[in-house]
Each structure stands twice: as structure tokens, then as C-alpha cells.
Amino acid sequence: MAKQINVALVGNPNTGKTSVFNNLTGLKQQVGNYPGITVEKKQGTCKLSRNVKAHVIDLPGTYSLNASSLDENVVIELLLNRKDKDYPDVAVVVADVENLKRNLLLFTQIKDLGIPTILAINMADRMKRKAISLDIQKLEKKLETKIALISSRKNEGFDYLKELITNYSQLNTTPCVNASVIAPAYFDRLRKTFPNQDLYKLWLVITQDVNFGKLDRQELKGVASFKTESAGNLKRLQQKETIARYKFINEVLKETLVIDKSSAKDLRSRLDRILMHKFWGYVIFLGILLLIFQAIFDWSTYPMDFIDSSFASFSEWAKGALPPGDFTNLIAEGIIPGLGGIVIFIPQIAFLFLFISILEESGYMSRVVFLMDRIMRRFGLSGKSVVPLISGTACAIPAIMATRNIENWKERLITILVTPFTTCAARLPVYLIIISLVIPEQRVLGIFTLQGLTLLFMYMLGFGAAIFSAWLLDRFLKIKSKTFFVVEMPNYKLPLFKNVAITVIEKTKSFVLGAGKIILAISVILWVLASYGPGKFNDAEAIVTQEHISETLTEQELDTKIASYKLEHSYIGILGKTIEPAVAPLGYDWKIGIAIVSSFAAREVFVGTLATIYSVGSEEEETIKNRMAAEINPILGTPRFNFASGISLLLFYAFAMQCMSTIAIVKRETNGWKWPIWQFTIMTVIAYVAALGAYQIFK
């Protein structure tokens, strides 16, 4: 059996830690949550040699072990808990060569815990361009550790890093800084009270309790009775410790690091002047968004059409190839069309994640966060709220989890409540199919189409609704205290293809598999409800034949009318007819009503539901889009999906909560049902009123 080494990747934000993790593990990754909390846990495996492999855990970014958020608390909890199955045999501290002084603060703290620690200095390929020279041998001697000079971009230095990890037992664990010098008398009392304990670990246990109160961990015997300092004094001692560490770091770097700024070739400041301009910065950002949404439509047309027609052909083939019966109908009319309703959007979702990943990798997203902070503060949001709101364009669930970085509870609560308004990837399938049905492909300025502009408008509408709601909540909740917004501006860099590819593959796979399970289950349930029914359903053939006995109908026309009659009198038809009076004023029929109700499990189920309903009893090889386009309003004789009903649907999904998972995560984050119930109710009312108004105006 191969030996396994537990490796903890630790580092400041924007040091390239994720790139190092991707280089080490590739696609051998798993993403979940830490037990009992909603902080993301990334782990993977890496083969070091024939008989040795590494279990690599990518810990959340932190500036020090003086934690001030739940993300940072996860780091210190793991590093202090030897009984944790993920407790590291070796810690790899990833540092950015341009911010070595700040990064070394975390390094000295982790090394002082007695954990074998390797310093991996990343972005080594930038040293020449930035005119940075580093004496690695002297730095290793001063820090009493081993250093790997690596470049994630060029994949350099990783063989040596793996070698160091393999031989971690040879690393020196002598502390860099003797923490007791900051308060000799206090640490002497600690030493006498706990003679068998590591003093620096004890110090961290005591100071972190000041930040977080009682933590779910086994307390050391005697801590409760130990007469400690006041919270204010402990904070002052923490500051003294930080000063002592920076004094040590300054002395080390004075002898090992040289930066010749006069020789540096740097475009960063010139780019920042343009991209963060108080007027042009917003114009450029809006232009980038418009290009992204236009590309989502234009680039994905061909693969989407191929997938759509392939599923239609596959469904028809299944009907012909398999023996007639309920099982064949379930596969051809339930499972295949239902899955087709989500698979068709893989190209567009992949493109969305592609662009978001490129913006993040290039360093531009941090500039967007800074730009938008100027607007956010006017509406009562914390500057840190920008990150969840922007990440909400992918999914509201991790975006709401990201609010854990907001220390002020009321600001965090407002962010949680308004984040579901931002247009997430689950809304994208609904928007795309409706926009393609009711908005013409007319070009504007020869580049953009009305469809792309409409999609951009839907994103802006969602963001605007979030901002306006935050403004109202700010006044309703009467927030008095404010927190400062600090965001680090990373250097601009060309996105790494490997990182972008891994992000797109993992996020798209997660989205499709997560939605696919729900859609498969709902497709089966819907097919059963649509394929069976009481009373008139069983006598459909005789009733329809009798009603049309005087008409000259072909066999195919008669079969279509029988299938339509059966669907209307099936269990799902009865359910749909029951809720139809509530949705009819919005321009919807009972079929759309069923799709809206079923999409509460996940918004993207809307298209799959309609695909399943329209496929039941259908003998023709048609795509989902064509079936929806062919649906007729029996009263008006016009297409069911026209401009009025289309805009009504777009607005309903723009404002409605319609996401069971989001409600569950809000309940978890707010520790009760009060806020998610209010959130769901108010958003549903807003969605209904907006959809009603739009349909009545445009019909």
C-alpha cells in the first residue's frame, strides 16, 4: 500500500495558491464543505513517487493566524487539532515573490507551531521583469527551512517541491520568533500552568477564543481556571507579536532580497488608471459584459442546435428500437427529453464560467470589486458584499456562503437576503430559451443582437433589484455600524489555460450533475403523472373518436388529438388545471404552471419540465425549442410563447426565489426559518406583480 502524506497548502489571497493546487492535483480534486459549516473544502491527490502519494488540502486564503473570519478560523482550527484526519504532516506556505514581506508573517506563525513547513515562492518567472533578485540559500539559512522557487505559469520547480514534500521529515521545526519575548511574565505563567504544552499553540488557543467565543473543540484542562489577560490586553499583545515578527522578517529580507525599481518594466499602474477610472472604468466593464453575453449567444448556437436535434433523434430512435410499452415511453418521452432540457445548455454555461474564470485569473475581477464598492456604499452594503453579489452570477449558494467574510451581522444579513436577485447560472437556461423564442435576432450596430442586449438587461435588472432591495433593507434594519472594505489588487497576468480549463470543467460538471439528478427524478415523476389518469383519461380514445366522428381526420391527426386529450385529463393535467386560474392572468397555461411549480426544485428544471410535458404522446421528431414555439393559445389562436407572455416569464424568473437549495442555505446561514420565509414570500410577490403587470401591458 502506498504511503500517504497529508499536505496543507496555506497562503495569503492572490499568491497563486489555487494554481499551485491545480498543478499538483490536476483533475484529481474533490470540492465539498467542512463538516458542519459552509466553508468550501478543496482537496486532491498527487503522486510523489511510486510508493508515496500526497493528500493535498487547499486551505482558505488567510493573511495570518490571528483569524477574523470563519474562512481564516478553518485554517487555524486544522493546524491546532492533531486529532483531525486532515492534520498536515507538512505545510506548504505559498508566497508571492513580489509580496514576500507580508507573506512571511504567515510562514513564521505556521513554522512556530512545530509543523514541518516548506516555503514555496511562486511567480518566479516575474522576477527578471520586476528586477527582483533573491538569495535563496541565505534565505533558507535565515528561516531554517527549505524553499522551492516555483512558477505555476511555466510549471517550473514543481518536481523539486514534490521532492521536498516527500522528505518533509528532514525539515527543521525550530521557531522563527520566540513569542514569549512579547510578554515574558505572562508566558512564564503559561509555562508553569501547562508544563507539557506548546506555548505558541496555547497562545493561539487563548487569543482565538477572544475573536470567536466558545469553539467546538476539546478545551485544554486548566484553561478555564487560568487567569488570563483582558480582551483589550490580549489584542495589544497580538499587535506586539506581529511587530516582533515583522522586525525579524525585515532583518532577514534586508540580507536576501533586492528590488531595483528603476529597472522594472511594469504596466500595472498605467492599466489601473484606465480600468479603474471613475467614468471609463464603468464603461469598459459594461462593454466587457455586453461582449460576454453576445458571445454566449453567438458561439454556442451551433453546439446547442446539434445537442437539441440529437436528443430529438435519440428519443425517436428509442421509440422505434425498443419494444412498445410503458418502459419505452418512459425512456423516450420522460428521461431523454428531460435530460435534453439541461444538456442543451452546457455550451452556454461553460462559456459563462469560462469568461468569469478569465476575469478572475487576469486580476481584473478585483478591479471590478473596487469599482463597484464606490456604488455599493451608497446603498448600505458593505464593500465586501460585492464579492457575493458578483459570484452570485454563477450560483447563489456559494455566494451566500461567501458572506461569512462580512464581520458585521446586519450587513451580512442584507447581503444574504438580496444575493438571490442576481442572475445565477440556473436562470440562464430559462432566459436563453425564452429570449430565443420571443426576441428577434435583429442586429444592432452590426455587432450586437437584440437577444444579447436582452440577456445583458436581465443581468442588470437582477443586479439593480439586489441594490434597490439592499437600500430598503438598510433603512428597515437601521444599520448603525459600518465596516471598512479592504481588497487586494493582484498584478495583472495572462490567465493560465490549465486553471481556466479546470474551473470550467469542474463548475460545469458540478452544475450539470447537480441539476441532472433533480431533473431525472422530476422527469420520471412528471412522465408518470402525464401518462396516467382517472376516469376520462382511460376512455380518451373512444371519447375523442366520437367527438370527431363527423370530421375527416388522418390517423396521425386523430392520434395527436387523443394524446392531447389524455394529457389534459391525466393527473398532471388535473393538477395543472387546478393552478391555472392563478397563472392565467400572467399569460401562462396549465403546462407552464406545472413547469413553474416543478422548477422550485431548481430553476433550470423549467425547460426540462416543458420538454417532458410536450414530449408525452408526441410521435414527431422535434426539438424542444420547436415544440415550445408551436404551442398555441387555444383562446386567442396565437403562439403561447409570444412577446407578452415571454417578457412576463422573464420577469417572473428574474425576481422569484424558485430555488429550494438557496432557501435551505439561507436557513442554515441565518440559523432559523424567519428570514428565508420572509425572503421567499416577498420575492414571490414581487415576481408575480411584475409578471402580471408586464403581461397586461404588452398583451
Foldseek 3Di string as FASTA:
>chain_A
DAAEFQEEEAWAPQLCSVLLVCLFFPLQKDWDADPPARDIKIWGKGDLDPRYIYIYTYQDHDQACLDQFVSSVVVLVLCLDPPDPNNGQEYEYRGEPVPNLSGVRRVLLSLLSQRLYEYEHEPLVCCVQQVKFFDQVLLCVLQQFHYFDAYSQVGPRVNVVSVCSVVSVPGDSDHNDDLCVLPVVQLVLVCVQCVPDRSSSVLSVVLVCLNPPDDPDDDDPPPVVDDDDDNVVSVVSVVSSSVRSSVSSCVSCVPTMDGDNVSHDACQVVVCCQCLPLPNVVVVVLVLLLVLLQCLVVVLPVVLVVLQLVLLVVLLVLCVVDDDDDVSLCVSQFQSLLLSLQVSCLSSLLSVLLVVLQCVQQLNVLSVLVNCLVVLVVQPAASQLSQLLVCCQAPNQVSLSSLSVPNDPLNNLLSLLLSLLAHHPLCVSLLLLLLVQAPDQPDDPVRGGPSSVVVSVLRVRSSVSSSNSSSVSCVVVVDDDYDHDDTDRHGGDGGRPSSSVSSSVVSSCCVSVVVSVLSSVVSSVLLQQQVAADDCLVVLLVVLCVVCVVPDDDPLRSLVSSSVVNRCRGNLNVVLCVCQVVCVLLLDGSQQVSLLVSLLQPVSSSLSSQSSSLSRSDNDSDGSSVSQSPDADVVVRHRSSYNQSSVLSSLLSSQASSHPVSLVSSCSVVVHNVSSVVSRVVSNVRSSVSSSVSNVVPD
